[in-house]
């Protein structure tokens, strides 16, 4: 039984090494973005074991930091996800208001949440959507609909 577990462990290690070899260029860029790479060398989270068979040594994961670096997104991707999340929050709040209107009672916290969203939720508002004009139009439509709904209840923004 122990040899079967060892074989599974060896197979998993080979698969992990192959994945790391494929991801190493991305990891180096992420490390550089995070300020962790030094002198353009191998990131400190990757160690290369000595190979005895004359084969190319496979990189081995040295820390959790490497996983974080692999998962790192570019600043443009992060900004885009934040903008999409903000638009989704606006739509969710509009949907909540619609449900309450269908039930016949609008709760003041729902209107307050819409007002907070339109005012930027503490400055979290995207300034421009130069990346994607279609998204910019969609976001403007959501913003206009929120303003219209608030105006129906005489709430100035």
Protein backbone atom coordinates (compact mmCIF):
# COMPACT_ATOMS: atom_id res chain seq x y z
CA UNK A 1 0.00 0.00 0.00
CA UNK A 2 2.85 2.37 0.82
CA UNK A 3 4.34 1.94 -2.68
CA UNK A 4 0.96 2.88 -4.22
CA UNK A 5 0.81 6.07 -2.15
CA UNK A 6 4.41 6.85 -3.09
CA UNK A 7 3.57 6.34 -6.77
CA UNK A 8 0.59 8.68 -6.49
CA UNK A 9 2.79 11.24 -4.72
CA UNK A 10 5.47 10.97 -7.41
CA UNK A 11 2.88 11.39 -10.16
CA UNK A 12 1.38 14.41 -8.44
CA UNK A 13 4.86 15.90 -8.01
CA UNK A 14 5.60 15.45 -11.73
CA UNK A 15 2.28 17.05 -12.67
CA UNK A 16 2.93 19.96 -10.31
CA UNK A 17 6.41 20.42 -11.79
CA UNK A 18 4.96 20.48 -15.33
CA UNK A 19 2.37 23.08 -14.30
CA UNK A 20 5.05 25.21 -12.68
CA UNK A 21 7.23 25.03 -15.80
CA UNK A 22 4.31 26.35 -17.84
CA UNK A 23 3.48 29.05 -15.31
CA UNK A 24 7.03 30.19 -14.58
CA UNK A 25 7.06 33.08 -17.11
CA UNK A 26 3.82 34.44 -15.64
CA UNK A 27 5.16 33.96 -12.14
CA UNK A 28 8.30 35.94 -12.97
CA UNK A 29 6.21 38.82 -14.26
CA UNK A 30 4.01 38.68 -11.17
CA UNK A 31 7.06 38.63 -8.90
CA UNK A 32 8.45 41.65 -10.71
CA UNK A 33 5.15 43.47 -10.35
CA UNK A 34 5.13 42.67 -6.66
CA UNK A 35 8.69 43.95 -6.34
CA UNK A 36 10.02 40.60 -5.19
CA UNK A 37 12.32 39.72 -8.12
CA UNK A 38 15.94 40.73 -7.72
CA UNK A 39 18.36 41.40 -10.57
CA UNK A 40 16.16 39.63 -13.11
CA UNK A 41 16.99 36.19 -11.66
CA UNK A 42 14.79 33.31 -10.63
CA UNK A 43 12.12 34.36 -8.15
CA UNK A 44 13.07 33.51 -4.57
CA UNK A 45 10.01 31.29 -4.13
CA UNK A 46 11.29 28.84 -6.76
CA UNK A 47 14.15 26.51 -5.93
CA UNK A 48 15.76 24.16 -8.43
CA UNK A 49 16.73 20.75 -7.07
CA UNK A 50 19.87 18.98 -8.29
CA UNK A 51 19.10 16.34 -10.90
CA UNK A 52 21.09 13.11 -10.97
CA UNK A 53 20.01 11.74 -14.36
CA UNK A 54 21.36 14.52 -16.56
CA UNK A 55 17.83 15.70 -17.16
CA UNK A 56 16.68 19.28 -16.85
CA UNK A 57 15.81 19.86 -13.17
CA UNK A 58 12.18 20.70 -12.51
CA UNK A 59 11.31 23.77 -10.41
CA UNK A 60 9.84 23.01 -7.01
CA UNK A 61 7.41 25.19 -5.13
CA UNK A 62 9.27 26.74 -2.21
CA UNK A 63 6.55 28.76 -0.52
CA UNK A 64 2.98 29.92 -0.53
CA UNK A 65 4.24 33.22 -1.96
CA UNK A 66 4.68 31.51 -5.32
CA UNK A 67 1.01 30.51 -5.36
CA UNK A 68 0.04 34.09 -4.64
CA UNK A 69 2.31 35.31 -7.43
CA UNK A 70 0.76 32.82 -9.86
CA UNK A 71 -2.70 34.02 -8.97
CA UNK A 72 -1.81 37.70 -9.25
CA UNK A 73 -3.73 39.67 -11.84
CA UNK A 74 -2.56 42.64 -13.82
CA UNK A 75 -3.67 46.06 -12.53
CA UNK A 76 -5.96 46.47 -15.56
CA UNK A 77 -7.68 43.15 -14.82
CA UNK A 78 -8.10 44.06 -11.17
CA UNK A 79 -9.59 47.45 -12.10
CA UNK A 80 -11.94 45.82 -14.60
CA UNK A 81 -13.18 43.32 -11.99
CA UNK A 82 -13.76 46.13 -9.51
CA UNK A 83 -15.77 48.08 -12.09
CA UNK A 84 -17.87 45.02 -12.94
CA UNK A 85 -18.48 44.35 -9.23
CA UNK A 86 -19.55 47.98 -8.74
CA UNK A 87 -21.98 47.78 -11.67
CA UNK A 88 -23.36 44.50 -10.33
CA UNK A 89 -23.95 46.06 -6.89
CA UNK A 90 -25.93 48.84 -8.57
CA UNK A 91 -28.03 46.33 -10.50
CA UNK A 92 -28.60 44.25 -7.36
CA UNK A 93 -29.85 47.30 -5.49
CA UNK A 94 -32.15 48.23 -8.36
CA UNK A 95 -33.50 44.70 -8.36
CA UNK A 96 -34.13 44.90 -4.61
CA UNK A 97 -36.06 48.14 -5.12
CA UNK A 98 -38.09 46.51 -7.91
CA UNK A 99 -39.03 43.58 -5.63
CA UNK A 100 -40.10 45.98 -2.89
CA UNK A 101 -42.16 48.03 -5.34
CA UNK A 102 -43.90 44.84 -6.50
CA UNK A 103 -44.72 44.02 -2.85
CA UNK A 104 -46.06 47.55 -2.31
CA UNK A 105 -43.63 48.70 0.39
CA UNK A 106 -40.25 50.36 -0.18
CA UNK A 107 -37.80 50.17 2.71
CA UNK A 108 -35.75 53.32 3.45
CA UNK A 109 -32.51 51.28 3.71
CA UNK A 110 -32.94 50.23 0.08
CA UNK A 111 -33.23 53.84 -1.05
CA UNK A 112 -30.28 54.79 1.15
CA UNK A 113 -28.19 52.00 -0.42
CA UNK A 114 -29.05 53.29 -3.90
CA UNK A 115 -28.10 56.81 -2.88
CA UNK A 116 -24.79 55.55 -1.48
CA UNK A 117 -24.12 53.67 -4.70
CA UNK A 118 -24.76 56.71 -6.87
CA UNK A 119 -22.56 58.87 -4.64
CA UNK A 120 -19.72 56.44 -5.13
CA UNK A 121 -19.66 54.26 -2.03
CA UNK A 122 -16.89 56.20 -0.37
CA UNK A 123 -14.99 57.22 -3.49
CA UNK A 124 -14.87 53.69 -4.97
CA UNK A 125 -16.38 54.97 -8.21
CA UNK A 126 -14.55 54.36 -11.51
CA UNK A 127 -13.54 57.62 -13.14
CA UNK A 128 -13.50 56.54 -16.74
CA UNK A 129 -14.24 53.46 -18.77
CA UNK A 130 -11.83 54.09 -21.61
CA UNK A 131 -11.05 50.37 -21.85
CA UNK A 132 -14.46 49.35 -23.18
CA UNK A 133 -16.96 51.86 -24.56
CA UNK A 134 -19.78 49.28 -24.41
CA UNK A 135 -19.21 48.81 -20.69
CA UNK A 136 -19.09 52.60 -20.28
CA UNK A 137 -22.52 52.94 -21.90
CA UNK A 138 -23.91 50.10 -19.81
CA UNK A 139 -22.56 51.63 -16.61
CA UNK A 140 -24.02 55.02 -17.56
CA UNK A 141 -27.40 53.35 -18.18
CA UNK A 142 -27.32 51.76 -14.72
CA UNK A 143 -26.37 55.08 -13.17
CA UNK A 144 -29.18 56.89 -15.02
CA UNK A 145 -31.74 54.29 -13.91
CA UNK A 146 -30.62 54.68 -10.27
CA UNK A 147 -30.95 58.47 -10.55
CA UNK A 148 -34.45 58.15 -12.04
CA UNK A 149 -35.59 55.78 -9.30
CA UNK A 150 -34.23 58.08 -6.59
CA UNK A 151 -35.90 61.09 -8.23
CA UNK A 152 -39.25 59.27 -8.05
CA UNK A 153 -38.87 59.37 -4.27
CA UNK A 154 -37.65 63.02 -4.24
CA UNK A 155 -34.13 62.02 -3.20
CA UNK A 156 -31.57 64.45 -4.58
CA UNK A 157 -28.11 63.23 -5.50
